[in-house]
Amino acid sequence: MEPTIYLFFKGNCFEAMTRYAEVLGGEIGGVFRNGDAPDPESRMPGGDDMVMNMAMTLGNATIMASDVPAEMYRKPAGFRVSIAPASREEFDRIHDALAEDAQSVEMAPGETFWAERFAVFTDRYGTPWMLNFEGDKGSA
């Protein structure tokens, strides 16, 4: 059994998940939109383009997501999507791409006692991220 991250967006799910796939090297699987529903009872509130469900495979993990109507959306809290890039260059590339136009930066990229590079931020789509590159500190 493995956990699956499930993210919610307020109307920009497809854009966000496509961006994550590009930046992280993931692969988008099935995308089901409101307009794909077989009947009106199967739809969620909102237009035909709203994503009901989509998935991205990233390594052995799956990240799933959907849009929610604006009145049902709640800002994510109490968690972060944590990734560990394999190199300092990869860390910087991923950070620069995901943190562009960030809603907030809780910790700018820097060194910690456990990692050569560590950063905490919430991206422009509202997803809270934590990036960690241990580098030589991982072997200590």
C-alpha atoms as a PDB file:
ATOM      1  CA  MET A   1       0.000   0.000   0.000  1.00  0.00           C
ATOM      2  CA  GLU A   2       1.336   3.442  -0.940  1.00  0.00           C
ATOM      3  CA  PRO A   3      -0.201   6.835  -0.196  1.00  0.00           C
ATOM      4  CA  THR A   4      -1.374   9.032  -3.051  1.00  0.00           C
ATOM      5  CA  ILE A   5      -1.278  12.818  -2.869  1.00  0.00           C
ATOM      6  CA  TYR A   6      -4.582  14.349  -4.002  1.00  0.00           C
ATOM      7  CA  LEU A   7      -4.553  18.087  -4.745  1.00  0.00           C
ATOM      8  CA  PHE A   8      -7.491  20.434  -5.264  1.00  0.00           C
ATOM      9  CA  PHE A   9      -7.475  23.545  -7.429  1.00  0.00           C
ATOM     10  CA  LYS A  10      -9.970  26.305  -8.077  1.00  0.00           C
ATOM     11  CA  GLY A  11     -10.260  26.083 -11.839  1.00  0.00           C
ATOM     12  CA  ASN A  12      -6.624  25.705 -12.913  1.00  0.00           C
ATOM     13  CA  CYS A  13      -6.010  22.014 -12.219  1.00  0.00           C
ATOM     14  CA  PHE A  14      -5.037  21.084 -15.774  1.00  0.00           C
ATOM     15  CA  GLU A  15      -2.609  24.007 -16.053  1.00  0.00           C
ATOM     16  CA  ALA A  16      -0.999  23.247 -12.676  1.00  0.00           C
ATOM     17  CA  MET A  17      -0.656  19.503 -13.174  1.00  0.00           C
ATOM     18  CA  THR A  18       0.687  19.939 -16.713  1.00  0.00           C
ATOM     19  CA  ARG A  19       3.281  22.353 -15.346  1.00  0.00           C
ATOM     20  CA  TYR A  20       4.254  19.924 -12.579  1.00  0.00           C
ATOM     21  CA  ALA A  21       4.666  17.119 -15.136  1.00  0.00           C
ATOM     22  CA  GLU A  22       6.910  19.334 -17.283  1.00  0.00           C
ATOM     23  CA  VAL A  23       9.075  20.502 -14.378  1.00  0.00           C
ATOM     24  CA  LEU A  24       9.303  17.206 -12.493  1.00  0.00           C
ATOM     25  CA  GLY A  25       9.414  14.799 -15.426  1.00  0.00           C
ATOM     26  CA  GLY A  26       6.044  13.260 -14.635  1.00  0.00           C
ATOM     27  CA  GLU A  27       3.553  11.698 -16.991  1.00  0.00           C
ATOM     28  CA  ILE A  28      -0.089  12.758 -17.156  1.00  0.00           C
ATOM     29  CA  GLY A  29      -2.566   9.864 -17.239  1.00  0.00           C
ATOM     30  CA  GLY A  30      -6.288  10.070 -17.762  1.00  0.00           C
ATOM     31  CA  VAL A  31      -7.996  13.452 -17.570  1.00  0.00           C
ATOM     32  CA  PHE A  32     -11.734  13.474 -16.898  1.00  0.00           C
ATOM     33  CA  ARG A  33     -13.531  16.766 -17.251  1.00  0.00           C
ATOM     34  CA  ASN A  34     -16.994  17.831 -16.219  1.00  0.00           C
ATOM     35  CA  GLY A  35     -18.027  17.708 -19.877  1.00  0.00           C
ATOM     36  CA  ASP A  36     -17.134  13.982 -19.970  1.00  0.00           C
ATOM     37  CA  ALA A  37     -19.832  13.109 -17.424  1.00  0.00           C
ATOM     38  CA  PRO A  38     -22.459  10.774 -18.890  1.00  0.00           C
ATOM     39  CA  ASP A  39     -25.385  12.727 -17.445  1.00  0.00           C
ATOM     40  CA  PRO A  40     -26.113  15.957 -15.512  1.00  0.00           C
ATOM     41  CA  GLU A  41     -26.325  14.103 -12.182  1.00  0.00           C
ATOM     42  CA  SER A  42     -22.719  12.946 -12.571  1.00  0.00           C
ATOM     43  CA  ARG A  43     -21.345  16.470 -13.013  1.00  0.00           C
ATOM     44  CA  MET A  44     -19.924  18.700 -10.333  1.00  0.00           C
ATOM     45  CA  PRO A  45     -20.950  22.366 -10.229  1.00  0.00           C
ATOM     46  CA  GLY A  46     -19.116  24.364 -12.883  1.00  0.00           C
ATOM     47  CA  GLY A  47     -18.317  24.436 -16.567  1.00  0.00           C
ATOM     48  CA  ASP A  48     -17.420  21.643 -18.970  1.00  0.00           C
ATOM     49  CA  ASP A  49     -13.658  22.315 -18.738  1.00  0.00           C
ATOM     50  CA  MET A  50     -13.405  21.784 -14.975  1.00  0.00           C
ATOM     51  CA  VAL A  51     -11.246  18.753 -14.201  1.00  0.00           C
ATOM     52  CA  MET A  52     -13.122  16.110 -12.228  1.00  0.00           C
ATOM     53  CA  ASN A  53     -10.044  13.917 -11.874  1.00  0.00           C
ATOM     54  CA  MET A  54      -6.598  13.555 -13.363  1.00  0.00           C
ATOM     55  CA  ALA A  55      -3.411  11.758 -12.435  1.00  0.00           C
ATOM     56  CA  MET A  56       0.304  12.261 -12.860  1.00  0.00           C
ATOM     57  CA  THR A  57       2.818   9.472 -12.394  1.00  0.00           C
ATOM     58  CA  LEU A  58       6.103  10.645 -10.920  1.00  0.00           C
ATOM     59  CA  GLY A  59       8.572   7.822 -10.446  1.00  0.00           C
ATOM     60  CA  ASN A  60       6.709   5.226  -8.378  1.00  0.00           C
ATOM     61  CA  ALA A  61       4.315   7.816  -6.960  1.00  0.00           C
ATOM     62  CA  THR A  62       0.992   9.070  -8.240  1.00  0.00           C
ATOM     63  CA  ILE A  63      -0.298  12.577  -7.676  1.00  0.00           C
ATOM     64  CA  MET A  64      -3.993  13.006  -8.374  1.00  0.00           C
ATOM     65  CA  ALA A  65      -5.956  16.237  -8.606  1.00  0.00           C
ATOM     66  CA  SER A  66      -9.193  17.943  -9.505  1.00  0.00           C
ATOM     67  CA  ASP A  67     -10.825  21.337  -9.670  1.00  0.00           C
ATOM     68  CA  VAL A  68     -13.437  22.305  -7.134  1.00  0.00           C
ATOM     69  CA  PRO A  69     -15.998  25.069  -7.407  1.00  0.00           C
ATOM     70  CA  ALA A  70     -14.652  28.347  -6.001  1.00  0.00           C
ATOM     71  CA  GLU A  71     -17.121  28.324  -3.083  1.00  0.00           C
ATOM     72  CA  MET A  72     -15.889  24.844  -2.043  1.00  0.00           C
ATOM     73  CA  TYR A  73     -12.157  25.548  -2.381  1.00  0.00           C
ATOM     74  CA  ARG A  74     -10.064  25.663   0.796  1.00  0.00           C
ATOM     75  CA  LYS A  75      -6.422  26.698   0.862  1.00  0.00           C
ATOM     76  CA  PRO A  76      -4.205  23.652   1.550  1.00  0.00           C
ATOM     77  CA  ALA A  77      -2.932  23.526   5.132  1.00  0.00           C
ATOM     78  CA  GLY A  78      -1.042  21.167   7.375  1.00  0.00           C
ATOM     79  CA  PHE A  79       1.083  19.463   4.724  1.00  0.00           C
ATOM     80  CA  ARG A  80       3.686  20.020   2.001  1.00  0.00           C
ATOM     81  CA  VAL A  81       4.502  18.109  -1.147  1.00  0.00           C
ATOM     82  CA  SER A  82       8.112  17.195  -0.416  1.00  0.00           C
ATOM     83  CA  ILE A  83      10.582  16.242  -3.123  1.00  0.00           C
ATOM     84  CA  ALA A  84      14.294  15.486  -2.997  1.00  0.00           C
ATOM     85  CA  PRO A  85      16.121  16.426  -6.204  1.00  0.00           C
ATOM     86  CA  ALA A  86      19.198  14.300  -6.963  1.00  0.00           C
ATOM     87  CA  SER A  87      21.608  17.216  -7.452  1.00  0.00           C
ATOM     88  CA  ARG A  88      22.137  20.851  -6.564  1.00  0.00           C
ATOM     89  CA  GLU A  89      21.554  21.809 -10.209  1.00  0.00           C
ATOM     90  CA  GLU A  90      18.294  19.852 -10.296  1.00  0.00           C
ATOM     91  CA  PHE A  91      17.227  21.489  -7.022  1.00  0.00           C
ATOM     92  CA  ASP A  92      17.857  24.951  -8.448  1.00  0.00           C
ATOM     93  CA  ARG A  93      16.066  24.155 -11.722  1.00  0.00           C
ATOM     94  CA  ILE A  94      12.991  22.751  -9.972  1.00  0.00           C
ATOM     95  CA  HIS A  95      12.925  25.523  -7.390  1.00  0.00           C
ATOM     96  CA  ASP A  96      13.216  28.274  -9.997  1.00  0.00           C
ATOM     97  CA  ALA A  97      10.397  26.759 -12.064  1.00  0.00           C
ATOM     98  CA  LEU A  98       7.949  25.970  -9.241  1.00  0.00           C
ATOM     99  CA  ALA A  99       8.639  29.058  -7.116  1.00  0.00           C
ATOM    100  CA  GLU A 100       8.128  31.485 -10.016  1.00  0.00           C
ATOM    101  CA  ASP A 101       5.286  33.836  -8.998  1.00  0.00           C
ATOM    102  CA  ALA A 102       4.981  31.993  -5.662  1.00  0.00           C
ATOM    103  CA  GLN A 103       2.093  32.963  -3.395  1.00  0.00           C
ATOM    104  CA  SER A 104       4.463  32.794  -0.436  1.00  0.00           C
ATOM    105  CA  VAL A 105       8.045  31.872   0.434  1.00  0.00           C
ATOM    106  CA  GLU A 106       8.370  30.505   3.932  1.00  0.00           C
ATOM    107  CA  MET A 107      12.054  29.639   3.548  1.00  0.00           C
ATOM    108  CA  ALA A 108      14.213  30.762   0.630  1.00  0.00           C
ATOM    109  CA  PRO A 109      16.731  28.216  -0.701  1.00  0.00           C
ATOM    110  CA  GLY A 110      19.586  27.847   1.715  1.00  0.00           C
ATOM    111  CA  GLU A 111      21.773  25.486   3.657  1.00  0.00           C
ATOM    112  CA  THR A 112      20.581  23.762   6.825  1.00  0.00           C
ATOM    113  CA  PHE A 113      22.334  21.420   9.217  1.00  0.00           C
ATOM    114  CA  TRP A 114      20.738  18.457   7.382  1.00  0.00           C
ATOM    115  CA  ALA A 115      20.811  19.624   3.758  1.00  0.00           C
ATOM    116  CA  GLU A 116      22.979  21.520   1.321  1.00  0.00           C
ATOM    117  CA  ARG A 117      19.812  23.126  -0.107  1.00  0.00           C
ATOM    118  CA  PHE A 118      16.366  23.363   1.430  1.00  0.00           C
ATOM    119  CA  ALA A 119      13.364  25.549   0.547  1.00  0.00           C
ATOM    120  CA  VAL A 120       9.721  25.917   1.566  1.00  0.00           C
ATOM    121  CA  PHE A 121       7.167  27.834  -0.509  1.00  0.00           C
ATOM    122  CA  THR A 122       3.628  27.839  -1.869  1.00  0.00           C
ATOM    123  CA  ASP A 123       3.495  28.038  -5.639  1.00  0.00           C
ATOM    124  CA  ARG A 124       1.271  30.248  -7.793  1.00  0.00           C
ATOM    125  CA  TYR A 125      -1.378  27.501  -7.921  1.00  0.00           C
ATOM    126  CA  GLY A 126      -1.589  27.231  -4.135  1.00  0.00           C
ATOM    127  CA  THR A 127       0.354  23.973  -3.732  1.00  0.00           C
ATOM    128  CA  PRO A 128       2.666  23.968  -0.691  1.00  0.00           C
ATOM    129  CA  TRP A 129       6.132  22.578  -1.531  1.00  0.00           C
ATOM    130  CA  MET A 130       9.244  21.547   0.362  1.00  0.00           C
ATOM    131  CA  LEU A 131      12.450  20.872  -1.590  1.00  0.00           C
ATOM    132  CA  ASN A 132      15.363  19.086   0.051  1.00  0.00           C
ATOM    133  CA  PHE A 133      18.788  18.272  -1.408  1.00  0.00           C
ATOM    134  CA  GLU A 134      20.941  16.584   1.239  1.00  0.00           C
ATOM    135  CA  GLY A 135      24.137  16.523  -0.810  1.00  0.00           C
ATOM    136  CA  ASP A 136      27.180  15.631   1.255  1.00  0.00           C
ATOM    137  CA  LYS A 137      25.210  16.119   4.467  1.00  0.00           C
ATOM    138  CA  GLY A 138      23.202  12.983   3.674  1.00  0.00           C
ATOM    139  CA  SER A 139      26.245  10.786   4.194  1.00  0.00           C
ATOM    140  CA  ALA A 140      27.211  12.310   7.558  1.00  0.00           C
END
